[in-house]
Amino acid sequence: MTIQHQIDSQFGYHKETVPATSTSAAVKIAAGAKRVSVGVTPAGTARVEFTLSTYAEIDGATARWFSWVDGDVTVATADTLDGPVTAVRCVTTVAGTCVFEILQAAEG
């Protein structure tokens, strides 16, 4: 899954509800993205993970994933990933769904 940019905007936006005790699909970030903001609103506990692995490694399920600096959270939390990343995902670790949002600045 790759974020699609809105025609009338400089930003790509993605929002999904992640089921309890599961991991969302990787959301690929476009090459050259200036910054990526991520947020979670968990009903239980959740965290955001990001990868620096290639798209081929992501597709082949061999990507290495890192937890964001906020770790597991139980309240609505957002942060900006300042360095380049190739994908992000949400992991729910305790019963309860999680709303997962991504806002990506467009290239250029």
N, C-alpha and C. Protein backbone atom coordinates (compact mmCIF):
# COMPACT_ATOMS: atom_id res chain seq x y z
N MET A 1 0.85 -1.16 0.00
CA MET A 1 0.00 0.00 0.00
C MET A 1 0.90 1.23 0.00
N THR A 2 0.61 2.19 -0.87
CA THR A 2 1.36 3.44 -0.96
C THR A 2 0.39 4.60 -0.82
N ILE A 3 0.78 5.62 -0.12
CA ILE A 3 -0.07 6.80 0.06
C ILE A 3 -0.27 7.48 -1.29
N GLN A 4 -1.52 7.80 -1.59
CA GLN A 4 -1.84 8.55 -2.80
C GLN A 4 -2.02 10.02 -2.43
N HIS A 5 -1.39 10.90 -3.19
CA HIS A 5 -1.50 12.33 -2.90
C HIS A 5 -2.81 12.87 -3.45
N GLN A 6 -3.43 13.73 -2.67
CA GLN A 6 -4.65 14.38 -3.12
C GLN A 6 -4.29 15.35 -4.23
N ILE A 7 -5.11 15.42 -5.27
CA ILE A 7 -4.82 16.25 -6.44
C ILE A 7 -4.68 17.72 -6.06
N ASP A 8 -5.48 18.19 -5.12
CA ASP A 8 -5.48 19.61 -4.77
C ASP A 8 -4.63 19.92 -3.54
N SER A 9 -3.70 19.04 -3.20
CA SER A 9 -2.94 19.22 -1.97
C SER A 9 -1.49 18.83 -2.16
N GLN A 10 -0.64 19.37 -1.29
CA GLN A 10 0.77 19.00 -1.28
C GLN A 10 1.01 17.79 -0.37
N PHE A 11 -0.05 17.28 0.24
CA PHE A 11 0.10 16.24 1.23
C PHE A 11 -0.65 14.96 0.86
N GLY A 12 -0.09 13.83 1.26
CA GLY A 12 -0.77 12.55 1.14
C GLY A 12 -1.29 12.18 2.52
N TYR A 13 -2.50 11.65 2.57
CA TYR A 13 -3.11 11.32 3.85
C TYR A 13 -3.63 9.89 3.81
N HIS A 14 -3.42 9.17 4.91
CA HIS A 14 -3.90 7.80 5.05
C HIS A 14 -4.49 7.65 6.44
N LYS A 15 -5.65 6.98 6.52
CA LYS A 15 -6.28 6.72 7.81
C LYS A 15 -6.91 5.35 7.76
N GLU A 16 -6.71 4.57 8.82
CA GLU A 16 -7.34 3.26 8.91
C GLU A 16 -7.55 2.90 10.36
N THR A 17 -8.46 1.96 10.59
CA THR A 17 -8.67 1.42 11.93
C THR A 17 -8.03 0.04 11.97
N VAL A 18 -7.09 -0.13 12.88
CA VAL A 18 -6.34 -1.38 13.01
C VAL A 18 -7.05 -2.22 14.08
N PRO A 19 -7.37 -3.49 13.77
CA PRO A 19 -8.04 -4.35 14.76
C PRO A 19 -7.17 -4.61 15.98
N ALA A 20 -7.81 -5.03 17.06
CA ALA A 20 -7.10 -5.34 18.30
C ALA A 20 -6.06 -6.44 18.07
N THR A 21 -4.96 -6.35 18.78
CA THR A 21 -3.84 -7.30 18.77
C THR A 21 -3.46 -7.74 17.35
N SER A 22 -3.19 -6.75 16.51
CA SER A 22 -2.78 -7.05 15.14
C SER A 22 -1.81 -5.98 14.64
N THR A 23 -1.30 -6.20 13.45
CA THR A 23 -0.37 -5.28 12.81
C THR A 23 -0.94 -4.86 11.47
N SER A 24 -0.98 -3.57 11.21
CA SER A 24 -1.49 -3.08 9.93
C SER A 24 -0.53 -3.48 8.82
N ALA A 25 -1.02 -3.38 7.60
CA ALA A 25 -0.14 -3.56 6.44
C ALA A 25 0.85 -2.40 6.42
N ALA A 26 2.01 -2.63 5.84
CA ALA A 26 2.99 -1.56 5.69
C ALA A 26 2.44 -0.51 4.73
N VAL A 27 2.56 0.74 5.09
CA VAL A 27 2.17 1.84 4.21
C VAL A 27 3.45 2.46 3.69
N LYS A 28 3.71 2.28 2.40
CA LYS A 28 4.95 2.76 1.80
C LYS A 28 4.93 4.27 1.65
N ILE A 29 6.07 4.86 1.91
CA ILE A 29 6.24 6.31 1.81
C ILE A 29 6.97 6.61 0.50
N ALA A 30 6.48 7.60 -0.22
CA ALA A 30 7.08 7.95 -1.51
C ALA A 30 8.52 8.41 -1.33
N ALA A 31 9.37 8.01 -2.26
CA ALA A 31 10.77 8.45 -2.24
C ALA A 31 10.78 9.98 -2.33
N GLY A 32 11.64 10.60 -1.55
CA GLY A 32 11.77 12.06 -1.58
C GLY A 32 10.80 12.79 -0.67
N ALA A 33 10.02 12.07 0.11
CA ALA A 33 9.10 12.74 1.03
C ALA A 33 9.88 13.62 1.99
N LYS A 34 9.42 14.81 2.23
CA LYS A 34 10.13 15.75 3.10
C LYS A 34 10.00 15.37 4.57
N ARG A 35 8.81 14.94 4.97
CA ARG A 35 8.59 14.54 6.36
C ARG A 35 7.32 13.71 6.41
N VAL A 36 7.24 12.90 7.45
CA VAL A 36 6.08 12.03 7.63
C VAL A 36 5.59 12.20 9.06
N SER A 37 4.34 12.61 9.20
CA SER A 37 3.73 12.71 10.53
C SER A 37 2.82 11.50 10.71
N VAL A 38 2.90 10.89 11.89
CA VAL A 38 2.10 9.71 12.19
C VAL A 38 1.39 9.91 13.52
N GLY A 39 0.21 9.33 13.64
CA GLY A 39 -0.53 9.44 14.88
C GLY A 39 -1.37 8.20 15.11
N VAL A 40 -1.59 7.91 16.38
CA VAL A 40 -2.45 6.80 16.75
C VAL A 40 -3.43 7.28 17.82
N THR A 41 -4.63 6.73 17.76
CA THR A 41 -5.64 6.96 18.80
C THR A 41 -6.11 5.57 19.22
N PRO A 42 -5.44 4.99 20.22
CA PRO A 42 -5.75 3.61 20.61
C PRO A 42 -6.90 3.51 21.61
N ALA A 43 -7.68 2.43 21.47
CA ALA A 43 -8.66 2.09 22.50
C ALA A 43 -8.00 1.22 23.56
N GLY A 44 -6.84 0.64 23.21
CA GLY A 44 -6.04 -0.16 24.14
C GLY A 44 -4.63 0.40 24.16
N THR A 45 -3.68 -0.37 23.64
CA THR A 45 -2.28 0.05 23.55
C THR A 45 -1.80 -0.16 22.12
N ALA A 46 -1.03 0.80 21.61
CA ALA A 46 -0.53 0.71 20.23
C ALA A 46 0.81 1.41 20.11
N ARG A 47 1.50 1.12 19.02
CA ARG A 47 2.75 1.82 18.70
C ARG A 47 2.86 1.92 17.19
N VAL A 48 3.70 2.84 16.75
CA VAL A 48 4.03 2.98 15.34
C VAL A 48 5.40 2.38 15.13
N GLU A 49 5.56 1.68 14.02
CA GLU A 49 6.86 1.16 13.62
C GLU A 49 7.19 1.70 12.24
N PHE A 50 8.49 1.89 11.99
CA PHE A 50 8.95 2.36 10.68
C PHE A 50 10.10 1.48 10.22
N THR A 51 10.36 1.51 8.91
CA THR A 51 11.47 0.74 8.37
C THR A 51 12.29 1.60 7.42
N LEU A 52 13.55 1.23 7.32
CA LEU A 52 14.48 1.83 6.37
C LEU A 52 14.78 0.84 5.25
N SER A 53 14.17 -0.32 5.31
CA SER A 53 14.39 -1.39 4.33
C SER A 53 13.86 -0.99 2.96
N THR A 54 14.28 -1.71 1.94
CA THR A 54 13.84 -1.43 0.57
C THR A 54 12.40 -1.89 0.37
N TYR A 55 11.77 -1.38 -0.69
CA TYR A 55 10.41 -1.82 -1.02
C TYR A 55 10.40 -3.33 -1.27
N ALA A 56 11.45 -3.86 -1.89
CA ALA A 56 11.52 -5.31 -2.16
C ALA A 56 11.54 -6.10 -0.85
N GLU A 57 12.27 -5.61 0.14
CA GLU A 57 12.30 -6.28 1.44
C GLU A 57 10.94 -6.19 2.14
N ILE A 58 10.27 -5.05 2.00
CA ILE A 58 8.93 -4.91 2.58
C ILE A 58 7.99 -5.90 1.92
N ASP A 59 7.99 -5.95 0.59
CA ASP A 59 7.12 -6.87 -0.15
C ASP A 59 7.44 -8.33 0.14
N GLY A 60 8.72 -8.62 0.42
CA GLY A 60 9.14 -9.98 0.70
C GLY A 60 9.06 -10.36 2.17
N ALA A 61 8.51 -9.49 3.00
CA ALA A 61 8.34 -9.73 4.44
C ALA A 61 9.67 -9.96 5.16
N THR A 62 10.73 -9.30 4.68
CA THR A 62 12.04 -9.41 5.34
C THR A 62 12.53 -8.05 5.86
N ALA A 63 11.66 -7.05 5.84
CA ALA A 63 12.04 -5.71 6.31
C ALA A 63 12.33 -5.75 7.81
N ARG A 64 13.22 -4.88 8.25
CA ARG A 64 13.53 -4.71 9.68
C ARG A 64 12.74 -3.50 10.17
N TRP A 65 11.98 -3.69 11.25
CA TRP A 65 11.09 -2.66 11.77
C TRP A 65 11.61 -2.11 13.09
N PHE A 66 11.45 -0.79 13.28
CA PHE A 66 11.89 -0.10 14.48
C PHE A 66 10.69 0.62 15.10
N SER A 67 10.62 0.61 16.43
CA SER A 67 9.54 1.32 17.12
C SER A 67 9.83 2.81 17.17
N TRP A 68 8.79 3.62 17.07
CA TRP A 68 8.97 5.07 17.20
C TRP A 68 9.40 5.41 18.62
N VAL A 69 9.87 6.62 18.84
CA VAL A 69 10.43 7.00 20.14
C VAL A 69 9.40 7.00 21.27
N ASP A 70 8.12 7.09 20.94
CA ASP A 70 7.09 7.13 21.98
C ASP A 70 6.77 5.74 22.54
N GLY A 71 7.26 4.68 21.91
CA GLY A 71 7.00 3.33 22.39
C GLY A 71 5.52 2.98 22.35
N ASP A 72 5.08 2.09 23.22
CA ASP A 72 3.66 1.73 23.32
C ASP A 72 2.91 2.84 24.04
N VAL A 73 1.80 3.28 23.47
CA VAL A 73 1.02 4.37 24.06
C VAL A 73 -0.42 3.93 24.29
N THR A 74 -1.07 4.59 25.24
CA THR A 74 -2.46 4.28 25.57
C THR A 74 -3.38 5.48 25.35
N VAL A 75 -2.83 6.59 24.93
CA VAL A 75 -3.60 7.81 24.64
C VAL A 75 -3.23 8.30 23.24
N ALA A 76 -4.06 9.15 22.68
CA ALA A 76 -3.78 9.71 21.35
C ALA A 76 -2.40 10.36 21.34
N THR A 77 -1.57 9.96 20.40
CA THR A 77 -0.19 10.42 20.33
C THR A 77 0.19 10.62 18.87
N ALA A 78 0.91 11.69 18.58
CA ALA A 78 1.40 11.95 17.23
C ALA A 78 2.85 12.39 17.29
N ASP A 79 3.56 12.15 16.21
CA ASP A 79 4.96 12.53 16.13
C ASP A 79 5.34 12.67 14.66
N THR A 80 6.47 13.31 14.41
CA THR A 80 6.98 13.45 13.05
C THR A 80 8.28 12.68 12.93
N LEU A 81 8.35 11.86 11.89
CA LEU A 81 9.59 11.13 11.60
C LEU A 81 10.43 12.06 10.72
N ASP A 82 11.52 12.57 11.28
CA ASP A 82 12.30 13.60 10.60
C ASP A 82 13.20 13.07 9.50
N GLY A 83 13.68 11.84 9.64
CA GLY A 83 14.55 11.28 8.62
C GLY A 83 13.75 10.52 7.58
N PRO A 84 14.38 10.18 6.46
CA PRO A 84 13.67 9.41 5.45
C PRO A 84 13.37 7.99 5.94
N VAL A 85 12.17 7.54 5.67
CA VAL A 85 11.75 6.17 5.97
C VAL A 85 11.07 5.62 4.72
N THR A 86 11.03 4.29 4.59
CA THR A 86 10.40 3.72 3.40
C THR A 86 8.97 3.26 3.66
N ALA A 87 8.62 2.98 4.92
CA ALA A 87 7.26 2.57 5.24
C ALA A 87 7.01 2.71 6.73
N VAL A 88 5.73 2.78 7.08
CA VAL A 88 5.31 2.79 8.48
C VAL A 88 4.16 1.82 8.65
N ARG A 89 3.94 1.38 9.89
CA ARG A 89 2.81 0.51 10.20
C ARG A 89 2.42 0.73 11.66
N CYS A 90 1.24 0.22 12.02
CA CYS A 90 0.74 0.34 13.38
C CYS A 90 0.59 -1.05 13.98
N VAL A 91 1.00 -1.19 15.23
CA VAL A 91 0.88 -2.46 15.95
C VAL A 91 0.01 -2.22 17.17
N THR A 92 -1.09 -2.96 17.30
CA THR A 92 -1.91 -2.89 18.50
C THR A 92 -1.50 -4.06 19.39
N THR A 93 -1.17 -3.75 20.63
CA THR A 93 -0.57 -4.76 21.50
C THR A 93 -1.48 -5.25 22.61
N VAL A 94 -2.58 -4.54 22.85
CA VAL A 94 -3.54 -4.92 23.89
C VAL A 94 -4.92 -4.78 23.28
N ALA A 95 -5.87 -5.56 23.76
CA ALA A 95 -7.23 -5.52 23.23
C ALA A 95 -7.72 -4.09 23.03
N GLY A 96 -8.31 -3.85 21.90
CA GLY A 96 -8.81 -2.53 21.54
C GLY A 96 -8.28 -2.12 20.19
N THR A 97 -9.14 -1.54 19.37
CA THR A 97 -8.73 -1.10 18.04
C THR A 97 -7.90 0.18 18.15
N CYS A 98 -7.37 0.62 17.02
CA CYS A 98 -6.57 1.84 17.00
C CYS A 98 -6.79 2.56 15.67
N VAL A 99 -7.05 3.85 15.74
CA VAL A 99 -7.09 4.66 14.53
C VAL A 99 -5.66 5.11 14.24
N PHE A 100 -5.20 4.81 13.04
CA PHE A 100 -3.82 5.06 12.60
C PHE A 100 -3.87 6.07 11.47
N GLU A 101 -3.15 7.20 11.62
CA GLU A 101 -3.16 8.24 10.60
C GLU A 101 -1.73 8.60 10.19
N ILE A 102 -1.59 8.91 8.91
CA ILE A 102 -0.30 9.31 8.34
C ILE A 102 -0.52 10.52 7.46
N LEU A 103 0.32 11.52 7.61
CA LEU A 103 0.31 12.69 6.74
C LEU A 103 1.72 12.85 6.20
N GLN A 104 1.84 12.84 4.89
CA GLN A 104 3.15 12.86 4.25
C GLN A 104 3.28 14.08 3.36
N ALA A 105 4.34 14.86 3.56
CA ALA A 105 4.59 16.01 2.68
C ALA A 105 5.01 15.50 1.32
N ALA A 106 4.52 16.14 0.30
CA ALA A 106 4.81 15.74 -1.07
C ALA A 106 6.26 16.03 -1.45
N GLU A 107 6.70 15.38 -2.50
CA GLU A 107 8.05 15.61 -3.01
C GLU A 107 8.17 17.03 -3.52
N GLY A 108 9.44 17.45 -3.65
CA GLY A 108 9.67 18.74 -4.28
C GLY A 108 9.99 19.85 -3.36
